[in-house]
């Protein structure tokens, strides 16, 4: 697989990410972009926590799987609510994410930007025809684009972190 890019698109509405996921599916069908894994976060106004959903319809089982999304979303949205004891327990695993391109700055930026009344589309992709992807997403008006380019080594390390964690669990 080509070098992957973990991309996070933030939308100013709770349903913006779901709408963008339909565009992403169309682009994948047209082979404008290769989607390895994807998930959405939707946070309704007045709710204490967001809803998360892995988009298996785009990727089959997904390259990274539920363990990856569960840990990432847990670190971003749920650990701050659970307190220091749970945070300390996940600290070592979270620290290993730094080695694979996901660091505290990335997590804090998403935590600060994805709030009640917003949504986000998280996608692991490669082989994108960027001008076509840009044009397709322009109509959705994402308000923020955060991305981390992952080298092949980083992507392998990321998979290793979650595959070994899933086996031990």
N, C-alpha and C. Protein backbone atom coordinates (compact mmCIF):
# COMPACT_ATOMS: atom_id res chain seq x y z
N UNK A 1 0.85 -1.18 0.00
CA UNK A 1 0.00 0.00 0.00
C UNK A 1 0.89 1.24 0.00
N UNK A 2 0.47 2.25 -0.71
CA UNK A 2 1.21 3.52 -0.73
C UNK A 2 1.16 4.16 0.65
N UNK A 3 2.03 5.15 0.86
CA UNK A 3 2.01 5.87 2.13
C UNK A 3 0.60 6.37 2.41
N UNK A 4 0.13 6.15 3.63
CA UNK A 4 -1.21 6.57 4.00
C UNK A 4 -1.21 7.95 4.61
N UNK A 5 -2.36 8.56 4.55
CA UNK A 5 -2.56 9.85 5.19
C UNK A 5 -3.78 9.73 6.09
N UNK A 6 -3.61 10.06 7.35
CA UNK A 6 -4.75 10.14 8.25
C UNK A 6 -5.24 11.58 8.19
N UNK A 7 -6.46 11.75 7.73
CA UNK A 7 -7.02 13.08 7.54
C UNK A 7 -8.24 13.25 8.43
N UNK A 8 -8.36 14.41 9.03
CA UNK A 8 -9.53 14.73 9.83
C UNK A 8 -10.15 16.01 9.27
N UNK A 9 -11.38 15.88 8.79
CA UNK A 9 -12.13 17.03 8.29
C UNK A 9 -13.16 17.40 9.34
N UNK A 10 -13.22 18.66 9.77
CA UNK A 10 -14.18 19.12 10.76
C UNK A 10 -15.27 19.91 10.06
N UNK A 11 -16.52 19.71 10.49
CA UNK A 11 -17.67 20.39 9.91
C UNK A 11 -18.42 21.14 11.00
N UNK A 12 -19.06 22.22 10.61
CA UNK A 12 -19.76 23.08 11.58
C UNK A 12 -21.16 22.61 11.94
N UNK A 13 -21.55 21.44 11.44
CA UNK A 13 -22.86 20.88 11.77
C UNK A 13 -22.68 19.44 12.24
N UNK A 14 -23.63 18.93 13.04
CA UNK A 14 -23.51 17.55 13.49
C UNK A 14 -23.65 16.52 12.36
N UNK A 15 -24.24 16.87 11.23
CA UNK A 15 -24.42 15.91 10.15
C UNK A 15 -23.47 16.14 8.97
N UNK A 16 -22.59 17.11 9.06
CA UNK A 16 -21.68 17.42 7.96
C UNK A 16 -20.75 16.27 7.61
N UNK A 17 -20.24 15.55 8.60
CA UNK A 17 -19.33 14.44 8.34
C UNK A 17 -20.04 13.30 7.62
N UNK A 18 -21.29 13.03 8.00
CA UNK A 18 -22.04 11.97 7.33
C UNK A 18 -22.28 12.31 5.86
N UNK A 19 -22.60 13.57 5.59
CA UNK A 19 -22.79 14.01 4.21
C UNK A 19 -21.49 13.88 3.42
N UNK A 20 -20.39 14.26 4.02
CA UNK A 20 -19.09 14.17 3.36
C UNK A 20 -18.69 12.71 3.13
N UNK A 21 -19.11 11.81 4.02
CA UNK A 21 -18.80 10.38 3.85
C UNK A 21 -19.42 9.84 2.57
N UNK A 22 -20.59 10.36 2.20
CA UNK A 22 -21.22 9.94 0.93
C UNK A 22 -20.37 10.39 -0.26
N UNK A 23 -19.82 11.60 -0.18
CA UNK A 23 -18.92 12.08 -1.23
C UNK A 23 -17.67 11.23 -1.28
N UNK A 24 -17.13 10.90 -0.13
CA UNK A 24 -15.93 10.07 -0.06
C UNK A 24 -16.19 8.71 -0.71
N UNK A 25 -17.35 8.13 -0.45
CA UNK A 25 -17.71 6.84 -1.05
C UNK A 25 -17.75 6.95 -2.58
N UNK A 26 -18.33 8.03 -3.07
CA UNK A 26 -18.38 8.23 -4.52
C UNK A 26 -16.98 8.36 -5.11
N UNK A 27 -16.12 9.13 -4.45
CA UNK A 27 -14.74 9.30 -4.93
C UNK A 27 -13.99 7.97 -4.92
N UNK A 28 -14.24 7.14 -3.92
CA UNK A 28 -13.59 5.83 -3.85
C UNK A 28 -14.07 4.94 -5.00
N UNK A 29 -15.38 4.98 -5.28
CA UNK A 29 -15.93 4.20 -6.40
C UNK A 29 -15.33 4.64 -7.73
N UNK A 30 -15.10 5.95 -7.86
CA UNK A 30 -14.52 6.50 -9.09
C UNK A 30 -13.01 6.35 -9.12
N UNK A 31 -12.43 5.75 -8.09
CA UNK A 31 -11.00 5.53 -7.96
C UNK A 31 -10.19 6.83 -7.98
N UNK A 32 -10.79 7.88 -7.42
CA UNK A 32 -10.12 9.16 -7.26
C UNK A 32 -9.28 9.15 -5.99
N UNK A 33 -9.65 8.28 -5.07
CA UNK A 33 -8.94 8.15 -3.80
C UNK A 33 -9.11 6.71 -3.31
N UNK A 34 -8.08 6.20 -2.66
CA UNK A 34 -8.18 4.86 -2.07
C UNK A 34 -8.41 5.04 -0.57
N UNK A 35 -9.53 4.52 -0.09
CA UNK A 35 -9.89 4.64 1.31
C UNK A 35 -9.53 3.32 2.00
N UNK A 36 -8.64 3.40 2.98
CA UNK A 36 -8.23 2.22 3.73
C UNK A 36 -9.08 2.03 4.98
N UNK A 37 -9.50 3.12 5.57
CA UNK A 37 -10.35 3.06 6.75
C UNK A 37 -10.96 4.43 6.97
N UNK A 38 -12.11 4.47 7.62
CA UNK A 38 -12.77 5.75 7.85
C UNK A 38 -13.75 5.63 9.01
N UNK A 39 -14.01 6.75 9.65
CA UNK A 39 -14.98 6.81 10.75
C UNK A 39 -15.50 8.24 10.86
N UNK A 40 -16.68 8.37 11.43
CA UNK A 40 -17.24 9.70 11.67
C UNK A 40 -17.49 9.90 13.16
N UNK A 41 -17.49 11.17 13.53
CA UNK A 41 -17.87 11.59 14.87
C UNK A 41 -18.94 12.66 14.67
N UNK A 42 -20.05 12.50 15.35
CA UNK A 42 -21.13 13.48 15.28
C UNK A 42 -21.51 13.87 16.70
N UNK A 43 -21.51 15.19 16.97
CA UNK A 43 -21.77 15.65 18.33
C UNK A 43 -22.94 16.63 18.31
N UNK A 44 -24.08 16.12 18.72
CA UNK A 44 -25.30 16.94 18.78
C UNK A 44 -25.18 17.97 19.91
N UNK A 45 -25.76 19.13 19.70
CA UNK A 45 -25.80 20.17 20.73
C UNK A 45 -26.58 19.62 21.92
N UNK A 46 -26.07 19.85 23.10
CA UNK A 46 -26.74 19.42 24.32
C UNK A 46 -26.35 18.02 24.79
N UNK A 47 -25.61 17.28 23.99
CA UNK A 47 -25.17 15.93 24.38
C UNK A 47 -23.83 16.03 25.09
N UNK A 48 -23.59 15.13 26.05
CA UNK A 48 -22.34 15.14 26.81
C UNK A 48 -21.18 14.57 26.02
N UNK A 49 -21.47 13.66 25.09
CA UNK A 49 -20.40 13.04 24.32
C UNK A 49 -20.87 12.82 22.88
N UNK A 50 -19.92 12.67 21.98
CA UNK A 50 -20.27 12.47 20.58
C UNK A 50 -20.61 11.01 20.27
N UNK A 51 -21.25 10.81 19.13
CA UNK A 51 -21.47 9.47 18.59
C UNK A 51 -20.36 9.20 17.59
N UNK A 52 -19.83 7.98 17.62
CA UNK A 52 -18.78 7.61 16.67
C UNK A 52 -19.27 6.42 15.84
N UNK A 53 -18.75 6.34 14.61
CA UNK A 53 -19.19 5.27 13.71
C UNK A 53 -18.08 4.95 12.73
N UNK A 54 -17.66 3.68 12.70
CA UNK A 54 -16.69 3.25 11.70
C UNK A 54 -17.43 2.99 10.40
N UNK A 55 -16.86 3.47 9.29
CA UNK A 55 -17.52 3.39 7.99
C UNK A 55 -17.09 2.13 7.24
N UNK A 56 -17.53 0.99 7.71
CA UNK A 56 -17.17 -0.28 7.07
C UNK A 56 -17.69 -0.38 5.65
N UNK A 57 -18.75 0.38 5.32
CA UNK A 57 -19.29 0.32 3.97
C UNK A 57 -18.32 0.87 2.93
N UNK A 58 -17.34 1.64 3.36
CA UNK A 58 -16.34 2.18 2.42
C UNK A 58 -15.13 1.26 2.28
N UNK A 59 -14.88 0.46 3.31
CA UNK A 59 -13.60 -0.23 3.37
C UNK A 59 -13.69 -1.71 3.70
N UNK A 60 -14.88 -2.28 3.73
CA UNK A 60 -14.99 -3.66 4.21
C UNK A 60 -14.72 -3.66 5.70
N UNK A 61 -13.75 -4.44 6.14
CA UNK A 61 -13.42 -4.51 7.56
C UNK A 61 -12.60 -3.33 8.03
N UNK A 62 -11.97 -2.60 7.13
CA UNK A 62 -11.13 -1.48 7.52
C UNK A 62 -9.72 -1.94 7.81
N UNK A 63 -8.78 -1.15 7.36
CA UNK A 63 -7.36 -1.49 7.51
C UNK A 63 -6.91 -1.40 8.96
N UNK A 64 -7.42 -0.42 9.68
CA UNK A 64 -6.98 -0.21 11.05
C UNK A 64 -7.91 -0.87 12.05
N UNK A 65 -9.18 -0.89 11.76
CA UNK A 65 -10.14 -1.59 12.59
C UNK A 65 -10.66 -0.80 13.77
N UNK A 66 -11.61 -1.43 14.44
CA UNK A 66 -12.28 -0.79 15.56
C UNK A 66 -11.39 -0.48 16.73
N UNK A 67 -10.34 -1.28 16.95
CA UNK A 67 -9.44 -1.01 18.08
C UNK A 67 -8.75 0.34 17.90
N UNK A 68 -8.32 0.63 16.67
CA UNK A 68 -7.68 1.91 16.40
C UNK A 68 -8.63 3.06 16.66
N UNK A 69 -9.81 3.01 16.04
CA UNK A 69 -10.77 4.11 16.20
C UNK A 69 -11.21 4.24 17.65
N UNK A 70 -11.43 3.10 18.31
CA UNK A 70 -11.85 3.14 19.71
C UNK A 70 -10.82 3.82 20.60
N UNK A 71 -9.55 3.46 20.41
CA UNK A 71 -8.51 4.08 21.21
C UNK A 71 -8.36 5.57 20.88
N UNK A 72 -8.33 5.88 19.59
CA UNK A 72 -8.15 7.28 19.20
C UNK A 72 -9.30 8.13 19.73
N UNK A 73 -10.54 7.69 19.51
CA UNK A 73 -11.69 8.47 19.97
C UNK A 73 -11.74 8.50 21.49
N UNK A 74 -11.33 7.42 22.13
CA UNK A 74 -11.27 7.41 23.59
C UNK A 74 -10.30 8.45 24.12
N UNK A 75 -9.11 8.51 23.51
CA UNK A 75 -8.11 9.50 23.93
C UNK A 75 -8.59 10.93 23.69
N UNK A 76 -9.27 11.12 22.58
CA UNK A 76 -9.70 12.48 22.24
C UNK A 76 -10.90 12.92 23.06
N UNK A 77 -11.94 12.08 23.11
CA UNK A 77 -13.23 12.53 23.64
C UNK A 77 -13.60 11.98 25.01
N UNK A 78 -13.14 10.79 25.37
CA UNK A 78 -13.67 10.15 26.57
C UNK A 78 -12.72 10.14 27.75
N UNK A 79 -11.41 9.99 27.52
CA UNK A 79 -10.45 9.98 28.63
C UNK A 79 -10.52 11.26 29.46
N UNK A 80 -10.63 12.44 28.83
CA UNK A 80 -10.72 13.65 29.67
C UNK A 80 -11.93 13.62 30.61
N UNK A 81 -12.98 12.90 30.24
CA UNK A 81 -14.16 12.82 31.08
C UNK A 81 -14.02 11.77 32.19
N UNK A 82 -13.15 10.78 31.97
CA UNK A 82 -13.04 9.67 32.91
C UNK A 82 -12.09 9.93 34.07
N UNK A 83 -11.17 10.86 33.88
CA UNK A 83 -10.29 11.21 34.98
C UNK A 83 -8.90 10.64 34.86
N UNK A 84 -8.08 10.99 35.84
CA UNK A 84 -6.65 10.69 35.81
C UNK A 84 -6.34 9.20 35.89
N UNK A 85 -7.12 8.43 36.64
CA UNK A 85 -6.81 7.00 36.78
C UNK A 85 -6.87 6.28 35.44
N UNK A 86 -7.91 6.51 34.70
CA UNK A 86 -8.04 5.89 33.38
C UNK A 86 -6.99 6.48 32.44
N UNK A 87 -6.78 7.78 32.55
CA UNK A 87 -5.78 8.45 31.71
C UNK A 87 -4.39 7.86 31.90
N UNK A 88 -4.03 7.57 33.14
CA UNK A 88 -2.71 7.00 33.41
C UNK A 88 -2.61 5.60 32.83
N UNK A 89 -3.70 4.84 32.88
CA UNK A 89 -3.69 3.48 32.34
C UNK A 89 -3.49 3.46 30.83
N UNK A 90 -3.98 4.47 30.15
CA UNK A 90 -3.83 4.52 28.69
C UNK A 90 -2.59 5.30 28.27
N UNK A 91 -1.87 5.85 29.22
CA UNK A 91 -0.72 6.70 28.90
C UNK A 91 0.36 6.02 28.09
N UNK A 92 0.71 4.79 28.43
CA UNK A 92 1.77 4.08 27.71
C UNK A 92 1.36 3.82 26.27
N UNK A 93 0.13 3.37 26.07
CA UNK A 93 -0.33 3.12 24.71
C UNK A 93 -0.44 4.42 23.94
N UNK A 94 -0.94 5.46 24.57
CA UNK A 94 -1.03 6.76 23.90
C UNK A 94 0.36 7.26 23.53
N UNK A 95 1.32 7.02 24.40
CA UNK A 95 2.69 7.43 24.10
C UNK A 95 3.23 6.74 22.86
N UNK A 96 2.83 5.49 22.63
CA UNK A 96 3.30 4.77 21.44
C UNK A 96 2.72 5.36 20.17
N UNK A 97 1.60 6.07 20.26
CA UNK A 97 1.02 6.71 19.09
C UNK A 97 1.91 7.83 18.56
N UNK A 98 2.67 8.46 19.44
CA UNK A 98 3.58 9.53 19.03
C UNK A 98 4.56 9.01 18.01
N UNK A 99 5.00 7.78 18.19
CA UNK A 99 5.95 7.18 17.26
C UNK A 99 5.35 6.94 15.88
N UNK A 100 4.05 6.94 15.79
CA UNK A 100 3.39 6.67 14.51
C UNK A 100 2.65 7.89 13.97
N UNK A 101 3.02 9.08 14.43
CA UNK A 101 2.50 10.29 13.83
C UNK A 101 1.30 10.92 14.50
N UNK A 102 0.81 10.32 15.58
CA UNK A 102 -0.32 10.91 16.30
C UNK A 102 0.21 11.32 17.66
N UNK A 103 0.29 12.63 17.87
CA UNK A 103 0.87 13.13 19.11
C UNK A 103 -0.15 13.95 19.90
N UNK A 104 0.28 14.45 21.06
CA UNK A 104 -0.61 15.24 21.91
C UNK A 104 -1.16 16.46 21.19
N UNK A 105 -0.33 17.09 20.37
CA UNK A 105 -0.79 18.28 19.64
C UNK A 105 -1.95 17.91 18.71
N UNK A 106 -1.83 16.80 18.00
CA UNK A 106 -2.88 16.32 17.11
C UNK A 106 -4.15 16.04 17.90
N UNK A 107 -4.03 15.29 19.01
CA UNK A 107 -5.19 14.93 19.83
C UNK A 107 -5.83 16.17 20.42
N UNK A 108 -5.04 17.08 20.96
CA UNK A 108 -5.59 18.30 21.56
C UNK A 108 -6.25 19.20 20.54
N UNK A 109 -5.69 19.28 19.35
CA UNK A 109 -6.29 20.10 18.29
C UNK A 109 -7.67 19.57 17.93
N UNK A 110 -7.78 18.27 17.77
CA UNK A 110 -9.08 17.68 17.44
C UNK A 110 -10.05 17.87 18.60
N UNK A 111 -9.58 17.65 19.82
CA UNK A 111 -10.43 17.82 21.01
C UNK A 111 -10.96 19.25 21.09
N UNK A 112 -10.11 20.23 20.76
CA UNK A 112 -10.52 21.63 20.81
C UNK A 112 -11.48 22.00 19.69
N UNK A 113 -11.34 21.35 18.53
CA UNK A 113 -12.12 21.72 17.35
C UNK A 113 -13.43 20.96 17.19
N UNK A 114 -13.48 19.71 17.63
CA UNK A 114 -14.70 18.90 17.49
C UNK A 114 -15.44 18.98 18.82
N UNK A 115 -16.47 19.79 18.83
CA UNK A 115 -17.21 20.13 20.04
C UNK A 115 -18.71 19.96 19.76
N UNK A 116 -19.56 20.10 20.79
CA UNK A 116 -21.01 19.99 20.53
C UNK A 116 -21.45 20.91 19.39
N UNK A 117 -22.27 20.34 18.49
CA UNK A 117 -22.76 21.08 17.34
C UNK A 117 -21.91 20.90 16.10
N UNK A 118 -20.85 20.07 16.19
CA UNK A 118 -19.97 19.85 15.05
C UNK A 118 -19.87 18.35 14.75
N UNK A 119 -19.14 18.03 13.70
CA UNK A 119 -18.86 16.64 13.35
C UNK A 119 -17.50 16.58 12.69
N UNK A 120 -16.98 15.36 12.53
CA UNK A 120 -15.68 15.18 11.88
C UNK A 120 -15.66 13.86 11.12
N UNK A 121 -14.95 13.88 10.01
CA UNK A 121 -14.71 12.69 9.20
C UNK A 121 -13.24 12.35 9.32
N UNK A 122 -12.94 11.15 9.82
CA UNK A 122 -11.57 10.66 9.99
C UNK A 122 -11.34 9.62 8.90
N UNK A 123 -10.28 9.80 8.11
CA UNK A 123 -10.06 8.91 6.97
C UNK A 123 -8.58 8.55 6.83
N UNK A 124 -8.30 7.26 6.62
CA UNK A 124 -6.97 6.80 6.24
C UNK A 124 -7.02 6.53 4.74
N UNK A 125 -6.26 7.29 3.97
CA UNK A 125 -6.32 7.21 2.51
C UNK A 125 -4.94 7.13 1.90
N UNK A 126 -4.91 6.84 0.61
CA UNK A 126 -3.70 6.96 -0.20
C UNK A 126 -4.13 7.14 -1.64
N UNK A 127 -3.17 7.43 -2.47
CA UNK A 127 -3.38 7.51 -3.92
C UNK A 127 -4.51 8.47 -4.30
N UNK A 128 -4.54 9.62 -3.67
CA UNK A 128 -5.59 10.59 -3.96
C UNK A 128 -5.20 11.49 -5.12
N UNK A 129 -6.19 11.79 -5.95
CA UNK A 129 -6.04 12.80 -6.98
C UNK A 129 -6.52 14.10 -6.31
N UNK A 130 -5.56 14.84 -5.74
CA UNK A 130 -5.89 15.90 -4.80
C UNK A 130 -6.80 16.99 -5.36
N UNK A 131 -6.60 17.40 -6.61
CA UNK A 131 -7.45 18.46 -7.13
C UNK A 131 -8.91 18.00 -7.22
N UNK A 132 -9.14 16.74 -7.59
CA UNK A 132 -10.52 16.22 -7.67
C UNK A 132 -11.12 16.06 -6.27
N UNK A 133 -10.31 15.61 -5.32
CA UNK A 133 -10.80 15.48 -3.95
C UNK A 133 -11.15 16.86 -3.40
N UNK A 134 -10.26 17.82 -3.59
CA UNK A 134 -10.51 19.19 -3.13
C UNK A 134 -11.80 19.73 -3.71
N UNK A 135 -11.97 19.58 -5.03
CA UNK A 135 -13.18 20.09 -5.69
C UNK A 135 -14.44 19.42 -5.14
N UNK A 136 -14.38 18.10 -4.91
CA UNK A 136 -15.55 17.38 -4.42
C UNK A 136 -15.94 17.81 -3.01
N UNK A 137 -14.95 18.09 -2.17
CA UNK A 137 -15.24 18.47 -0.80
C UNK A 137 -15.54 19.96 -0.63
N UNK A 138 -15.25 20.76 -1.62
CA UNK A 138 -15.48 22.20 -1.52
C UNK A 138 -16.95 22.51 -1.22
N UNK A 139 -17.86 21.73 -1.77
CA UNK A 139 -19.28 21.95 -1.55
C UNK A 139 -19.74 21.63 -0.14
N UNK A 140 -18.98 20.87 0.60
CA UNK A 140 -19.35 20.50 1.97
C UNK A 140 -18.90 21.54 2.98
N UNK A 141 -17.99 22.39 2.60
CA UNK A 141 -17.55 23.46 3.47
C UNK A 141 -16.95 23.02 4.78
N UNK A 142 -16.01 22.04 4.77
CA UNK A 142 -15.37 21.73 6.06
C UNK A 142 -14.67 22.97 6.58
N UNK A 143 -14.80 23.22 7.88
CA UNK A 143 -14.22 24.44 8.43
C UNK A 143 -12.78 24.25 8.85
N UNK A 144 -12.34 23.01 8.98
CA UNK A 144 -10.98 22.77 9.45
C UNK A 144 -10.49 21.46 8.85
N UNK A 145 -9.27 21.46 8.36
CA UNK A 145 -8.63 20.24 7.87
C UNK A 145 -7.36 20.03 8.67
N UNK A 146 -7.28 18.89 9.34
CA UNK A 146 -6.09 18.52 10.11
C UNK A 146 -5.62 17.20 9.53
N UNK A 147 -4.35 17.08 9.20
CA UNK A 147 -3.91 15.80 8.67
C UNK A 147 -2.52 15.47 9.17
N UNK A 148 -2.23 14.18 9.21
CA UNK A 148 -0.92 13.68 9.55
C UNK A 148 -0.51 12.71 8.47
N UNK A 149 0.57 12.99 7.78
CA UNK A 149 1.07 12.05 6.79
C UNK A 149 1.83 10.96 7.52
N UNK A 150 1.53 9.73 7.20
CA UNK A 150 2.19 8.61 7.83
C UNK A 150 3.07 7.91 6.80
N UNK A 151 4.32 7.70 7.14
CA UNK A 151 5.20 6.93 6.26
C UNK A 151 4.78 5.47 6.33
N UNK A 152 5.29 4.65 5.41
CA UNK A 152 4.97 3.22 5.42
C UNK A 152 5.40 2.59 6.74
N UNK A 153 6.55 2.99 7.27
CA UNK A 153 7.02 2.45 8.55
C UNK A 153 6.09 2.86 9.69
N UNK A 154 5.65 4.13 9.69
CA UNK A 154 4.74 4.59 10.73
C UNK A 154 3.41 3.85 10.65
N UNK A 155 2.93 3.64 9.44
CA UNK A 155 1.67 2.94 9.28
C UNK A 155 1.78 1.51 9.78
N UNK A 156 2.86 0.81 9.45
CA UNK A 156 3.08 -0.56 9.95
C UNK A 156 3.13 -0.56 11.48
N UNK A 157 3.85 0.40 12.04
CA UNK A 157 3.95 0.47 13.51
C UNK A 157 2.58 0.72 14.13
N UNK A 158 1.79 1.55 13.50
CA UNK A 158 0.45 1.84 14.00
C UNK A 158 -0.39 0.56 14.00
N UNK A 159 -0.33 -0.18 12.90
CA UNK A 159 -1.07 -1.45 12.84
C UNK A 159 -0.59 -2.40 13.92
N UNK A 160 0.73 -2.48 14.11
CA UNK A 160 1.30 -3.38 15.12
C UNK A 160 0.79 -3.03 16.52
N UNK A 161 0.70 -1.74 16.82
CA UNK A 161 0.22 -1.30 18.14
C UNK A 161 -1.17 -1.84 18.39
N UNK A 162 -2.05 -1.72 17.42
CA UNK A 162 -3.44 -2.10 17.65
C UNK A 162 -3.70 -3.58 17.46
N UNK A 163 -2.95 -4.24 16.59
CA UNK A 163 -3.12 -5.67 16.42
C UNK A 163 -2.65 -6.40 17.68
N UNK A 164 -1.51 -5.99 18.26
CA UNK A 164 -1.04 -6.65 19.47
C UNK A 164 -1.94 -6.30 20.66
N UNK A 165 -2.50 -5.09 20.69
CA UNK A 165 -3.40 -4.69 21.76
C UNK A 165 -4.69 -5.50 21.69
N UNK A 166 -5.21 -5.74 20.49
CA UNK A 166 -6.45 -6.49 20.34
C UNK A 166 -6.27 -7.94 20.76
N UNK A 167 -5.10 -8.52 20.49
CA UNK A 167 -4.84 -9.91 20.85
C UNK A 167 -4.74 -10.04 22.37
N UNK A 168 -4.12 -9.06 23.03
CA UNK A 168 -3.93 -9.11 24.48
C UNK A 168 -5.22 -8.85 25.24
N UNK A 169 -6.14 -8.12 24.63
CA UNK A 169 -7.38 -7.72 25.33
C UNK A 169 -8.30 -8.89 25.60
